[in-house]
Structures are given as C-alpha cells and as structure tokens.
mmCIF file of all heavy atoms, coordinates in Angstrom:
data_MODEL
# 
_entry.id   MODEL 
# 
loop_
_atom_site.group_PDB 
_atom_site.id 
_atom_site.type_symbol 
_atom_site.label_atom_id 
_atom_site.label_alt_id 
_atom_site.label_comp_id 
_atom_site.label_asym_id 
_atom_site.label_entity_id 
_atom_site.label_seq_id 
_atom_site.pdbx_PDB_ins_code 
_atom_site.Cartn_x 
_atom_site.Cartn_y 
_atom_site.Cartn_z 
_atom_site.occupancy 
_atom_site.B_iso_or_equiv 
_atom_site.pdbx_formal_charge 
_atom_site.auth_seq_id 
_atom_site.auth_comp_id 
_atom_site.auth_asym_id 
_atom_site.auth_atom_id 
_atom_site.pdbx_PDB_model_num 
ATOM 1   N N   . GLN A 1 1  ? 154.684 172.970 67.749  1.00 0.00 ? 1  GLN A N   1 
ATOM 2   C CA  . GLN A 1 1  ? 156.106 172.624 67.837  1.00 0.00 ? 1  GLN A CA  1 
ATOM 3   C C   . GLN A 1 1  ? 156.444 172.105 69.227  1.00 0.00 ? 1  GLN A C   1 
ATOM 4   O O   . GLN A 1 1  ? 156.030 172.683 70.234  1.00 0.00 ? 1  GLN A O   1 
ATOM 5   C CB  . GLN A 1 1  ? 156.975 173.843 67.511  1.00 0.00 ? 1  GLN A CB  1 
ATOM 6   C CG  . GLN A 1 1  ? 156.784 174.376 66.098  1.00 0.00 ? 1  GLN A CG  1 
ATOM 7   C CD  . GLN A 1 1  ? 157.116 173.333 65.040  1.00 0.00 ? 1  GLN A CD  1 
ATOM 8   O OE1 . GLN A 1 1  ? 158.164 172.699 65.082  1.00 0.00 ? 1  GLN A OE1 1 
ATOM 9   N NE2 . GLN A 1 1  ? 156.188 173.132 64.098  1.00 0.00 ? 1  GLN A NE2 1 
ATOM 10  N N   . PRO A 1 2  ? 157.205 170.994 69.305  1.00 0.00 ? 2  PRO A N   1 
ATOM 11  C CA  . PRO A 1 2  ? 157.512 170.398 70.614  1.00 0.00 ? 2  PRO A CA  1 
ATOM 12  C C   . PRO A 1 2  ? 158.487 171.229 71.434  1.00 0.00 ? 2  PRO A C   1 
ATOM 13  O O   . PRO A 1 2  ? 159.481 171.742 70.905  1.00 0.00 ? 2  PRO A O   1 
ATOM 14  C CB  . PRO A 1 2  ? 158.115 169.041 70.240  1.00 0.00 ? 2  PRO A CB  1 
ATOM 15  C CG  . PRO A 1 2  ? 158.710 169.253 68.881  1.00 0.00 ? 2  PRO A CG  1 
ATOM 16  C CD  . PRO A 1 2  ? 157.787 170.223 68.184  1.00 0.00 ? 2  PRO A CD  1 
ATOM 17  N N   . ASN A 1 3  ? 158.193 171.351 72.717  1.00 0.00 ? 3  ASN A N   1 
ATOM 18  C CA  . ASN A 1 3  ? 159.055 172.063 73.657  1.00 0.00 ? 3  ASN A CA  1 
ATOM 19  C C   . ASN A 1 3  ? 159.103 171.280 74.960  1.00 0.00 ? 3  ASN A C   1 
ATOM 20  O O   . ASN A 1 3  ? 158.160 170.566 75.309  1.00 0.00 ? 3  ASN A O   1 
ATOM 21  C CB  . ASN A 1 3  ? 158.519 173.459 73.936  1.00 0.00 ? 3  ASN A CB  1 
ATOM 22  C CG  . ASN A 1 3  ? 158.748 174.446 72.812  1.00 0.00 ? 3  ASN A CG  1 
ATOM 23  O OD1 . ASN A 1 3  ? 159.688 175.235 72.839  1.00 0.00 ? 3  ASN A OD1 1 
ATOM 24  N ND2 . ASN A 1 3  ? 157.893 174.401 71.791  1.00 0.00 ? 3  ASN A ND2 1 
ATOM 25  N N   . LEU A 1 4  ? 160.183 171.458 75.683  1.00 0.00 ? 4  LEU A N   1 
ATOM 26  C CA  . LEU A 1 4  ? 160.324 170.865 77.010  1.00 0.00 ? 4  LEU A CA  1 
ATOM 27  C C   . LEU A 1 4  ? 160.788 171.950 77.959  1.00 0.00 ? 4  LEU A C   1 
ATOM 28  O O   . LEU A 1 4  ? 161.778 172.637 77.689  1.00 0.00 ? 4  LEU A O   1 
ATOM 29  C CB  . LEU A 1 4  ? 161.350 169.723 76.984  1.00 0.00 ? 4  LEU A CB  1 
ATOM 30  C CG  . LEU A 1 4  ? 161.579 168.984 78.297  1.00 0.00 ? 4  LEU A CG  1 
ATOM 31  C CD1 . LEU A 1 4  ? 160.342 168.169 78.686  1.00 0.00 ? 4  LEU A CD1 1 
ATOM 32  C CD2 . LEU A 1 4  ? 162.795 168.051 78.184  1.00 0.00 ? 4  LEU A CD2 1 
ATOM 33  N N   . MET A 1 5  ? 160.053 172.126 79.048  1.00 0.00 ? 5  MET A N   1 
ATOM 34  C CA  . MET A 1 5  ? 160.418 173.151 80.021  1.00 0.00 ? 5  MET A CA  1 
ATOM 35  C C   . MET A 1 5  ? 160.735 172.513 81.366  1.00 0.00 ? 5  MET A C   1 
ATOM 36  O O   . MET A 1 5  ? 160.012 171.636 81.830  1.00 0.00 ? 5  MET A O   1 
ATOM 37  C CB  . MET A 1 5  ? 159.298 174.183 80.179  1.00 0.00 ? 5  MET A CB  1 
ATOM 38  C CG  . MET A 1 5  ? 159.666 175.350 81.080  1.00 0.00 ? 5  MET A CG  1 
ATOM 39  S SD  . MET A 1 5  ? 158.386 176.649 81.142  1.00 0.00 ? 5  MET A SD  1 
ATOM 40  C CE  . MET A 1 5  ? 158.716 177.482 79.593  1.00 0.00 ? 5  MET A CE  1 
ATOM 41  N N   . ILE A 1 6  ? 161.849 172.950 81.957  1.00 0.00 ? 6  ILE A N   1 
ATOM 42  C CA  . ILE A 1 6  ? 162.267 172.502 83.287  1.00 0.00 ? 6  ILE A CA  1 
ATOM 43  C C   . ILE A 1 6  ? 162.255 173.723 84.186  1.00 0.00 ? 6  ILE A C   1 
ATOM 44  O O   . ILE A 1 6  ? 162.955 174.710 83.924  1.00 0.00 ? 6  ILE A O   1 
ATOM 45  C CB  . ILE A 1 6  ? 163.690 171.898 83.263  1.00 0.00 ? 6  ILE A CB  1 
ATOM 46  C CG1 . ILE A 1 6  ? 163.851 170.894 82.118  1.00 0.00 ? 6  ILE A CG1 1 
ATOM 47  C CG2 . ILE A 1 6  ? 164.013 171.274 84.614  1.00 0.00 ? 6  ILE A CG2 1 
ATOM 48  C CD1 . ILE A 1 6  ? 163.051 169.631 82.278  1.00 0.00 ? 6  ILE A CD1 1 
ATOM 49  N N   . VAL A 1 7  ? 161.457 173.680 85.249  1.00 0.00 ? 7  VAL A N   1 
ATOM 50  C CA  . VAL A 1 7  ? 161.254 174.854 86.101  1.00 0.00 ? 7  VAL A CA  1 
ATOM 51  C C   . VAL A 1 7  ? 161.386 174.455 87.570  1.00 0.00 ? 7  VAL A C   1 
ATOM 52  O O   . VAL A 1 7  ? 160.947 173.364 87.965  1.00 0.00 ? 7  VAL A O   1 
ATOM 53  C CB  . VAL A 1 7  ? 159.846 175.449 85.871  1.00 0.00 ? 7  VAL A CB  1 
ATOM 54  C CG1 . VAL A 1 7  ? 159.666 176.743 86.645  1.00 0.00 ? 7  VAL A CG1 1 
ATOM 55  C CG2 . VAL A 1 7  ? 159.577 175.672 84.393  1.00 0.00 ? 7  VAL A CG2 1 
ATOM 56  N N   . LEU A 1 8  ? 161.971 175.328 88.362  1.00 0.00 ? 8  LEU A N   1 
ATOM 57  C CA  . LEU A 1 8  ? 161.960 175.156 89.813  1.00 0.00 ? 8  LEU A CA  1 
ATOM 58  C C   . LEU A 1 8  ? 161.113 176.279 90.398  1.00 0.00 ? 8  LEU A C   1 
ATOM 59  O O   . LEU A 1 8  ? 161.451 177.458 90.272  1.00 0.00 ? 8  LEU A O   1 
ATOM 60  C CB  . LEU A 1 8  ? 163.368 175.194 90.407  1.00 0.00 ? 8  LEU A CB  1 
ATOM 61  C CG  . LEU A 1 8  ? 163.439 174.875 91.902  1.00 0.00 ? 8  LEU A CG  1 
ATOM 62  C CD1 . LEU A 1 8  ? 162.969 173.450 92.173  1.00 0.00 ? 8  LEU A CD1 1 
ATOM 63  C CD2 . LEU A 1 8  ? 164.849 175.064 92.449  1.00 0.00 ? 8  LEU A CD2 1 
ATOM 64  N N   . ILE A 1 9  ? 159.991 175.905 90.993  1.00 0.00 ? 9  ILE A N   1 
ATOM 65  C CA  . ILE A 1 9  ? 159.057 176.868 91.566  1.00 0.00 ? 9  ILE A CA  1 
ATOM 66  C C   . ILE A 1 9  ? 159.128 176.796 93.083  1.00 0.00 ? 9  ILE A C   1 
ATOM 67  O O   . ILE A 1 9  ? 159.227 175.709 93.654  1.00 0.00 ? 9  ILE A O   1 
ATOM 68  C CB  . ILE A 1 9  ? 157.611 176.570 91.113  1.00 0.00 ? 9  ILE A CB  1 
ATOM 69  C CG1 . ILE A 1 9  ? 157.529 176.473 89.586  1.00 0.00 ? 9  ILE A CG1 1 
ATOM 70  C CG2 . ILE A 1 9  ? 156.655 177.647 91.612  1.00 0.00 ? 9  ILE A CG2 1 
ATOM 71  C CD1 . ILE A 1 9  ? 156.173 176.011 89.091  1.00 0.00 ? 9  ILE A CD1 1 
ATOM 72  N N   . LYS A 1 10 ? 159.048 177.938 93.727  1.00 0.00 ? 10 LYS A N   1 
ATOM 73  C CA  . LYS A 1 10 ? 159.054 177.988 95.188  1.00 0.00 ? 10 LYS A CA  1 
ATOM 74  C C   . LYS A 1 10 ? 157.690 178.414 95.715  1.00 0.00 ? 10 LYS A C   1 
ATOM 75  O O   . LYS A 1 10 ? 156.909 179.041 94.995  1.00 0.00 ? 10 LYS A O   1 
ATOM 76  C CB  . LYS A 1 10 ? 160.136 178.949 95.677  1.00 0.00 ? 10 LYS A CB  1 
ATOM 77  C CG  . LYS A 1 10 ? 161.552 178.487 95.354  1.00 0.00 ? 10 LYS A CG  1 
ATOM 78  C CD  . LYS A 1 10 ? 162.561 179.457 95.906  1.00 0.00 ? 10 LYS A CD  1 
ATOM 79  C CE  . LYS A 1 10 ? 163.975 178.967 95.642  1.00 0.00 ? 10 LYS A CE  1 
ATOM 80  N NZ  . LYS A 1 10 ? 164.258 177.700 96.328  1.00 0.00 ? 10 LYS A NZ  1 
ATOM 81  N N   . ASN A 1 11 ? 157.433 178.079 96.961  1.00 0.00 ? 11 ASN A N   1 
ATOM 82  C CA  . ASN A 1 11 ? 156.236 178.561 97.633  1.00 0.00 ? 11 ASN A CA  1 
ATOM 83  C C   . ASN A 1 11 ? 156.443 180.007 98.070  1.00 0.00 ? 11 ASN A C   1 
ATOM 84  O O   . ASN A 1 11 ? 157.563 180.447 98.338  1.00 0.00 ? 11 ASN A O   1 
ATOM 85  C CB  . ASN A 1 11 ? 155.917 177.712 98.864  1.00 0.00 ? 11 ASN A CB  1 
ATOM 86  C CG  . ASN A 1 11 ? 154.925 176.610 98.544  1.00 0.00 ? 11 ASN A CG  1 
ATOM 87  O OD1 . ASN A 1 11 ? 154.186 176.674 97.569  1.00 0.00 ? 11 ASN A OD1 1 
ATOM 88  N ND2 . ASN A 1 11 ? 154.893 175.580 99.374  1.00 0.00 ? 11 ASN A ND2 1 
ATOM 89  N N   . ALA A 1 12 ? 155.351 180.732 98.150  1.00 0.00 ? 12 ALA A N   1 
ATOM 90  C CA  . ALA A 1 12 ? 155.388 182.100 98.657  1.00 0.00 ? 12 ALA A CA  1 
ATOM 91  C C   . ALA A 1 12 ? 154.200 182.298 99.589  1.00 0.00 ? 12 ALA A C   1 
ATOM 92  O O   . ALA A 1 12 ? 153.169 181.639 99.449  1.00 0.00 ? 12 ALA A O   1 
ATOM 93  C CB  . ALA A 1 12 ? 155.343 183.101 97.509  1.00 0.00 ? 12 ALA A CB  1 
ATOM 94  N N   . LYS A 1 13 ? 154.357 183.180 100.539 1.00 0.00 ? 13 LYS A N   1 
ATOM 95  C CA  . LYS A 1 13 ? 153.267 183.511 101.451 1.00 0.00 ? 13 LYS A CA  1 
ATOM 96  C C   . LYS A 1 13 ? 152.357 184.545 100.798 1.00 0.00 ? 13 LYS A C   1 
ATOM 97  O O   . LYS A 1 13 ? 152.807 185.502 100.187 1.00 0.00 ? 13 LYS A O   1 
ATOM 98  C CB  . LYS A 1 13 ? 153.808 184.055 102.779 1.00 0.00 ? 13 LYS A CB  1 
ATOM 99  C CG  . LYS A 1 13 ? 154.604 183.044 103.588 1.00 0.00 ? 13 LYS A CG  1 
ATOM 100 C CD  . LYS A 1 13 ? 153.732 181.878 104.036 1.00 0.00 ? 13 LYS A CD  1 
ATOM 101 C CE  . LYS A 1 13 ? 154.516 180.919 104.916 1.00 0.00 ? 13 LYS A CE  1 
ATOM 102 N NZ  . LYS A 1 13 ? 153.678 179.762 105.335 1.00 0.00 ? 13 LYS A NZ  1 
ATOM 103 N N   . GLY A 1 14 ? 151.060 184.323 100.940 1.00 0.00 ? 14 GLY A N   1 
ATOM 104 C CA  . GLY A 1 14 ? 150.093 185.259 100.408 1.00 0.00 ? 14 GLY A CA  1 
ATOM 105 C C   . GLY A 1 14 ? 148.991 185.517 101.421 1.00 0.00 ? 14 GLY A C   1 
ATOM 106 O O   . GLY A 1 14 ? 148.979 184.928 102.513 1.00 0.00 ? 14 GLY A O   1 
ATOM 107 N N   . ILE A 1 15 ? 148.082 186.371 101.072 1.00 0.00 ? 15 ILE A N   1 
ATOM 108 C CA  . ILE A 1 15 ? 146.961 186.707 101.946 1.00 0.00 ? 15 ILE A CA  1 
ATOM 109 C C   . ILE A 1 15 ? 145.660 186.303 101.261 1.00 0.00 ? 15 ILE A C   1 
ATOM 110 O O   . ILE A 1 15 ? 145.440 186.607 100.084 1.00 0.00 ? 15 ILE A O   1 
ATOM 111 C CB  . ILE A 1 15 ? 146.923 188.213 102.266 1.00 0.00 ? 15 ILE A CB  1 
ATOM 112 C CG1 . ILE A 1 15 ? 148.215 188.641 102.994 1.00 0.00 ? 15 ILE A CG1 1 
ATOM 113 C CG2 . ILE A 1 15 ? 145.706 188.552 103.123 1.00 0.00 ? 15 ILE A CG2 1 
ATOM 114 C CD1 . ILE A 1 15 ? 148.399 187.970 104.343 1.00 0.00 ? 15 ILE A CD1 1 
ATOM 115 N N   . GLY A 1 16 ? 144.818 185.593 101.986 1.00 0.00 ? 16 GLY A N   1 
ATOM 116 C CA  . GLY A 1 16 ? 143.514 185.192 101.475 1.00 0.00 ? 16 GLY A CA  1 
ATOM 117 C C   . GLY A 1 16 ? 142.428 185.581 102.465 1.00 0.00 ? 16 GLY A C   1 
ATOM 118 O O   . GLY A 1 16 ? 142.693 186.144 103.529 1.00 0.00 ? 16 GLY A O   1 
ATOM 119 N N   . ILE A 1 17 ? 141.192 185.295 102.111 1.00 0.00 ? 17 ILE A N   1 
ATOM 120 C CA  . ILE A 1 17 ? 140.051 185.567 102.976 1.00 0.00 ? 17 ILE A CA  1 
ATOM 121 C C   . ILE A 1 17 ? 139.340 184.247 103.236 1.00 0.00 ? 17 ILE A C   1 
ATOM 122 O O   . ILE A 1 17 ? 138.977 183.523 102.302 1.00 0.00 ? 17 ILE A O   1 
ATOM 123 C CB  . ILE A 1 17 ? 139.085 186.572 102.309 1.00 0.00 ? 17 ILE A CB  1 
ATOM 124 C CG1 . ILE A 1 17 ? 139.803 187.907 102.045 1.00 0.00 ? 17 ILE A CG1 1 
ATOM 125 C CG2 . ILE A 1 17 ? 137.850 186.796 103.177 1.00 0.00 ? 17 ILE A CG2 1 
ATOM 126 C CD1 . ILE A 1 17 ? 138.963 188.919 101.290 1.00 0.00 ? 17 ILE A CD1 1 
ATOM 127 N N   . ASP A 1 18 ? 139.165 183.918 104.526 1.00 0.00 ? 18 ASP A N   1 
ATOM 128 C CA  . ASP A 1 18 ? 138.553 182.641 104.849 1.00 0.00 ? 18 ASP A CA  1 
ATOM 129 C C   . ASP A 1 18 ? 137.031 182.725 104.796 1.00 0.00 ? 18 ASP A C   1 
ATOM 130 O O   . ASP A 1 18 ? 136.452 183.773 104.478 1.00 0.00 ? 18 ASP A O   1 
ATOM 131 C CB  . ASP A 1 18 ? 139.038 182.143 106.225 1.00 0.00 ? 18 ASP A CB  1 
ATOM 132 C CG  . ASP A 1 18 ? 138.607 183.054 107.372 1.00 0.00 ? 18 ASP A CG  1 
ATOM 133 O OD1 . ASP A 1 18 ? 137.641 183.831 107.195 1.00 0.00 ? 18 ASP A OD1 1 
ATOM 134 O OD2 . ASP A 1 18 ? 139.220 182.971 108.452 1.00 0.00 ? 18 ASP A OD2 1 
ATOM 135 N N   . GLU A 1 19 ? 136.380 181.609 105.144 1.00 0.00 ? 19 GLU A N   1 
ATOM 136 C CA  . GLU A 1 19 ? 134.915 181.545 105.031 1.00 0.00 ? 19 GLU A CA  1 
ATOM 137 C C   . GLU A 1 19 ? 134.204 182.479 106.007 1.00 0.00 ? 19 GLU A C   1 
ATOM 138 O O   . GLU A 1 19 ? 133.034 182.815 105.836 1.00 0.00 ? 19 GLU A O   1 
ATOM 139 C CB  . GLU A 1 19 ? 134.440 180.108 105.247 1.00 0.00 ? 19 GLU A CB  1 
ATOM 140 C CG  . GLU A 1 19 ? 134.828 179.538 106.602 1.00 0.00 ? 19 GLU A CG  1 
ATOM 141 C CD  . GLU A 1 19 ? 134.412 178.090 106.746 1.00 0.00 ? 19 GLU A CD  1 
ATOM 142 O OE1 . GLU A 1 19 ? 134.081 177.458 105.736 1.00 0.00 ? 19 GLU A OE1 1 
ATOM 143 O OE2 . GLU A 1 19 ? 134.429 177.609 107.899 1.00 0.00 ? 19 GLU A OE2 1 
ATOM 144 N N   . ASN A 1 20 ? 134.933 182.913 107.053 1.00 0.00 ? 20 ASN A N   1 
ATOM 145 C CA  . ASN A 1 20 ? 134.360 183.866 108.011 1.00 0.00 ? 20 ASN A CA  1 
ATOM 146 C C   . ASN A 1 20 ? 134.718 185.310 107.679 1.00 0.00 ? 20 ASN A C   1 
ATOM 147 O O   . ASN A 1 20 ? 134.530 186.211 108.503 1.00 0.00 ? 20 ASN A O   1 
ATOM 148 C CB  . ASN A 1 20 ? 134.845 183.528 109.431 1.00 0.00 ? 20 ASN A CB  1 
ATOM 149 C CG  . ASN A 1 20 ? 134.343 182.177 109.898 1.00 0.00 ? 20 ASN A CG  1 
ATOM 150 O OD1 . ASN A 1 20 ? 133.175 181.824 109.669 1.00 0.00 ? 20 ASN A OD1 1 
ATOM 151 N ND2 . ASN A 1 20 ? 135.210 181.405 110.533 1.00 0.00 ? 20 ASN A ND2 1 
ATOM 152 N N   . LEU A 1 21 ? 135.251 185.498 106.470 1.00 0.00 ? 21 LEU A N   1 
ATOM 153 C CA  . LEU A 1 21 ? 135.625 186.820 105.976 1.00 0.00 ? 21 LEU A CA  1 
ATOM 154 C C   . LEU A 1 21 ? 136.732 187.460 106.792 1.00 0.00 ? 21 LEU A C   1 
ATOM 155 O O   . LEU A 1 21 ? 136.791 188.689 106.968 1.00 0.00 ? 21 LEU A O   1 
ATOM 156 C CB  . LEU A 1 21 ? 134.402 187.752 105.904 1.00 0.00 ? 21 LEU A CB  1 
ATOM 157 C CG  . LEU A 1 21 ? 133.257 187.265 105.013 1.00 0.00 ? 21 LEU A CG  1 
ATOM 158 C CD1 . LEU A 1 21 ? 132.146 188.315 104.960 1.00 0.00 ? 21 LEU A CD1 1 
ATOM 159 C CD2 . LEU A 1 21 ? 133.744 186.926 103.613 1.00 0.00 ? 21 LEU A CD2 1 
ATOM 160 N N   . ASN A 1 22 ? 137.630 186.603 107.293 1.00 0.00 ? 22 ASN A N   1 
ATOM 161 C CA  . ASN A 1 22 ? 138.818 187.079 107.990 1.00 0.00 ? 22 ASN A CA  1 
ATOM 162 C C   . ASN A 1 22 ? 140.026 186.889 107.079 1.00 0.00 ? 22 ASN A C   1 
ATOM 163 O O   . ASN A 1 22 ? 140.071 185.961 106.260 1.00 0.00 ? 22 ASN A O   1 
ATOM 164 C CB  . ASN A 1 22 ? 139.041 186.302 109.290 1.00 0.00 ? 22 ASN A CB  1 
ATOM 165 C CG  . ASN A 1 22 ? 137.941 186.571 110.298 1.00 0.00 ? 22 ASN A CG  1 
ATOM 166 O OD1 . ASN A 1 22 ? 137.539 187.718 110.503 1.00 0.00 ? 22 ASN A OD1 1 
ATOM 167 N ND2 . ASN A 1 22 ? 137.449 185.509 110.932 1.00 0.00 ? 22 ASN A ND2 1 
ATOM 168 N N   . LEU A 1 23 ? 140.987 187.792 107.238 1.00 0.00 ? 23 LEU A N   1 
ATOM 169 C CA  . LEU A 1 23 ? 142.223 187.633 106.484 1.00 0.00 ? 23 LEU A CA  1 
ATOM 170 C C   . LEU A 1 23 ? 143.019 186.464 107.055 1.00 0.00 ? 23 LEU A C   1 
ATOM 171 O O   . LEU A 1 23 ? 143.085 186.263 108.264 1.00 0.00 ? 23 LEU A O   1 
ATOM 172 C CB  . LEU A 1 23 ? 143.059 188.918 106.564 1.00 0.00 ? 23 LEU A CB  1 
ATOM 173 C CG  . LEU A 1 23 ? 142.472 190.154 105.871 1.00 0.00 ? 23 LEU A CG  1 
ATOM 174 C CD1 . LEU A 1 23 ? 143.358 191.372 106.129 1.00 0.00 ? 23 LEU A CD1 1 
ATOM 175 C CD2 . LEU A 1 23 ? 142.341 189.916 104.371 1.00 0.00 ? 23 LEU A CD2 1 
ATOM 176 N N   . GLU A 1 24 ? 143.637 185.680 106.157 1.00 0.00 ? 24 GLU A N   1 
ATOM 177 C CA  . GLU A 1 24 ? 144.472 184.567 106.599 1.00 0.00 ? 24 GLU A CA  1 
ATOM 178 C C   . GLU A 1 24 ? 145.684 184.453 105.692 1.00 0.00 ? 24 GLU A C   1 
ATOM 179 O O   . GLU A 1 24 ? 145.663 184.860 104.523 1.00 0.00 ? 24 GLU A O   1 
ATOM 180 C CB  . GLU A 1 24 ? 143.690 183.253 106.573 1.00 0.00 ? 24 GLU A CB  1 
ATOM 181 C CG  . GLU A 1 24 ? 143.210 182.841 105.190 1.00 0.00 ? 24 GLU A CG  1 
ATOM 182 C CD  . GLU A 1 24 ? 142.514 181.493 105.206 1.00 0.00 ? 24 GLU A CD  1 
ATOM 183 O OE1 . GLU A 1 24 ? 142.543 180.820 106.248 1.00 0.00 ? 24 GLU A OE1 1 
ATOM 184 O OE2 . GLU A 1 24 ? 141.963 181.118 104.163 1.00 0.00 ? 24 GLU A OE2 1 
# 
C-alpha cells in the first residue's frame, strides 16, 4: 500500500571509538 512520510530529523552528539581505540 502506498504511503508518503515527511520527517524532520536532527543531528545528535554520540560517542564512538576511533581507529586508535580512543573515545571520540
């Protein structure tokens, strides 16, 4: 069934691990 969605998404800050295994 056809649907159309309109969304406004925002950026958020998160925590990752870089290639040197440091938090970023």
